[in-house]
Amino acid sequence: MEDHPELLPVLTVAGGPMRGARFRLRPGPLVIGRASTVDIVVDDAHLSRRHAVVRSEGDTVTLNDLGSTNGTWLNDRRIFDVVPLTDGDVIRLGRTELRFFDPGVALTDPVGLSFGVMRRHQRPTLPLPVTGPPALPTARPSALPAPTEGADRGR
């Protein structure tokens, strides 16, 4: 994937002071925090200097809190150990919300069968029924007879 950086997993800032920023996750560990010496610097006073670490190895990306004061949250659950990330996961650090995207999923799972992990609070979605276009109104006979040719006008 190093030959194709566009296929590297991405963390996108979806909320917080740096909304819109994107970070490509190169292989290996990347420390996230507010210190200028970390790999991914996030300008958020509610982050620890060394808040969390994200590690990309092969097809697996993991997240781990580094003993931060305010904690690291994955999909609204606080994490305490190393947890795997899946495409679409939401990570909250301080007041910053990150979304994890894995462009490589499209290559290995083109129809999206493994998109994210089904969580207990989610229900599988059912496809909506396919319906045709609305029926056109049927023609009704006119209340008045159609005029005939040669009919006398103006009587």
Foldseek 3Di string as FASTA:
>chain_A
DVVDQVQAKKKAWCDDDVHGDIDGDDAAKFFEFCAPPGRHHDPAPQTHRGFKIWHDDDPWIKIAGPPIPVAKDKQNHGDHGIDTDFQQIWIDGGRIIIGIHRNCCCVVPVVCPCHDDDDPVDDDDDDDDDDDDDDDDDDDDDPDDDDDPPDDPDD
